[in-house]
Amino acid sequence: SSVTPNTGSTQGGTMLNINGNYFSTSTRYPLVVKVGNQPCTILSSTTTIIQCQTPVAPSSSQNQYQG
């Protein structure tokens, strides 16, 4: 499994690719991805990849943060 890229802008908008296995595709159990304890907007997902757009970082974060 992997997450790319591993850093992003504090302004948000970074497209994350999360690769793995057995991600849910059920609407009964929707996926939730958080970055810096903020929701990452899911743009697409399959059982092996999730693509989401990162949120703006909380004001306490001044530089790049881990994605």
C-alpha atoms as a PDB file:
ATOM      1  CA  SER A   1       0.000   0.000   0.000  1.00  0.00           C
ATOM      2  CA  SER A   2       1.086   3.598  -0.533  1.00  0.00           C
ATOM      3  CA  VAL A   3       0.046   7.241  -0.392  1.00  0.00           C
ATOM      4  CA  THR A   4       1.379   9.701  -2.965  1.00  0.00           C
ATOM      5  CA  PRO A   5       2.488  12.408  -2.798  1.00  0.00           C
ATOM      6  CA  ASN A   6       3.711  12.301   0.807  1.00  0.00           C
ATOM      7  CA  THR A   7       3.668  16.105   1.280  1.00  0.00           C
ATOM      8  CA  GLY A   8       1.353  18.842   0.102  1.00  0.00           C
ATOM      9  CA  SER A   9       0.535  22.524   0.299  1.00  0.00           C
ATOM     10  CA  THR A  10      -1.029  23.939   3.446  1.00  0.00           C
ATOM     11  CA  GLN A  11      -3.400  25.741   1.062  1.00  0.00           C
ATOM     12  CA  GLY A  12      -5.035  22.393   0.228  1.00  0.00           C
ATOM     13  CA  GLY A  13      -5.922  21.100  -3.198  1.00  0.00           C
ATOM     14  CA  THR A  14      -3.252  18.392  -3.366  1.00  0.00           C
ATOM     15  CA  MET A  15      -4.525  15.290  -5.151  1.00  0.00           C
ATOM     16  CA  LEU A  16      -3.769  12.189  -3.072  1.00  0.00           C
ATOM     17  CA  ASN A  17      -3.603   8.677  -4.480  1.00  0.00           C
ATOM     18  CA  ILE A  18      -4.068   6.029  -1.814  1.00  0.00           C
ATOM     19  CA  ASN A  19      -3.234   2.548  -3.072  1.00  0.00           C
ATOM     20  CA  GLY A  20      -4.172  -0.569  -1.137  1.00  0.00           C
ATOM     21  CA  ASN A  21      -6.586  -3.475  -1.052  1.00  0.00           C
ATOM     22  CA  TYR A  22     -10.161  -4.140   0.002  1.00  0.00           C
ATOM     23  CA  PHE A  23     -11.388  -0.535   0.171  1.00  0.00           C
ATOM     24  CA  SER A  24     -15.155  -0.376   0.553  1.00  0.00           C
ATOM     25  CA  THR A  25     -17.263   0.478  -2.479  1.00  0.00           C
ATOM     26  CA  SER A  26     -20.489   0.197  -0.489  1.00  0.00           C
ATOM     27  CA  THR A  27     -22.712   3.243  -0.052  1.00  0.00           C
ATOM     28  CA  ARG A  28     -23.747   1.677   3.255  1.00  0.00           C
ATOM     29  CA  TYR A  29     -20.178   2.078   4.542  1.00  0.00           C
ATOM     30  CA  PRO A  30     -18.840   5.202   2.805  1.00  0.00           C
ATOM     31  CA  LEU A  31     -15.112   5.867   2.791  1.00  0.00           C
ATOM     32  CA  VAL A  32     -13.709   8.589   5.013  1.00  0.00           C
ATOM     33  CA  VAL A  33     -10.175   9.930   4.525  1.00  0.00           C
ATOM     34  CA  LYS A  34      -8.698  12.540   6.854  1.00  0.00           C
ATOM     35  CA  VAL A  35      -5.505  14.554   6.455  1.00  0.00           C
ATOM     36  CA  GLY A  36      -4.392  16.574   9.455  1.00  0.00           C
ATOM     37  CA  ASN A  37      -7.670  15.543  11.131  1.00  0.00           C
ATOM     38  CA  GLN A  38      -9.602  17.298   8.326  1.00  0.00           C
ATOM     39  CA  PRO A  39     -11.710  15.476   5.716  1.00  0.00           C
ATOM     40  CA  CYS A  40     -10.088  14.822   2.339  1.00  0.00           C
ATOM     41  CA  THR A  41     -12.702  15.165  -0.426  1.00  0.00           C
ATOM     42  CA  ILE A  42     -13.001  11.803  -2.177  1.00  0.00           C
ATOM     43  CA  LEU A  43     -13.103  12.236  -5.943  1.00  0.00           C
ATOM     44  CA  SER A  44     -13.049   8.571  -6.959  1.00  0.00           C
ATOM     45  CA  SER A  45     -12.495   5.162  -5.429  1.00  0.00           C
ATOM     46  CA  THR A  46     -12.260   1.490  -6.264  1.00  0.00           C
ATOM     47  CA  THR A  47     -11.376  -1.506  -4.125  1.00  0.00           C
ATOM     48  CA  THR A  48      -7.667  -0.751  -4.711  1.00  0.00           C
ATOM     49  CA  ILE A  49      -7.320   3.046  -5.064  1.00  0.00           C
ATOM     50  CA  ILE A  50      -8.795   6.168  -3.504  1.00  0.00           C
ATOM     51  CA  GLN A  51      -8.233   9.598  -5.013  1.00  0.00           C
ATOM     52  CA  CYS A  52      -9.014  12.609  -2.867  1.00  0.00           C
ATOM     53  CA  GLN A  53      -8.278  16.328  -2.688  1.00  0.00           C
ATOM     54  CA  THR A  54      -6.698  17.626   0.507  1.00  0.00           C
ATOM     55  CA  PRO A  55      -8.290  20.352   2.611  1.00  0.00           C
ATOM     56  CA  VAL A  56      -6.728  23.627   3.725  1.00  0.00           C
ATOM     57  CA  ALA A  57      -4.483  22.948   6.724  1.00  0.00           C
ATOM     58  CA  PRO A  58      -5.518  24.319  10.123  1.00  0.00           C
ATOM     59  CA  SER A  59      -4.037  27.756  10.828  1.00  0.00           C
ATOM     60  CA  SER A  60      -1.535  26.261  13.307  1.00  0.00           C
ATOM     61  CA  SER A  61       0.271  24.538  10.397  1.00  0.00           C
ATOM     62  CA  GLN A  62       2.609  26.964   8.653  1.00  0.00           C
ATOM     63  CA  ASN A  63       4.613  24.729   6.298  1.00  0.00           C
ATOM     64  CA  GLN A  64       3.979  21.508   4.448  1.00  0.00           C
ATOM     65  CA  TYR A  65       2.317  18.659   6.272  1.00  0.00           C
ATOM     66  CA  GLN A  66       2.374  14.910   5.802  1.00  0.00           C
ATOM     67  CA  GLY A  67      -0.219  13.674   3.336  1.00  0.00           C
END
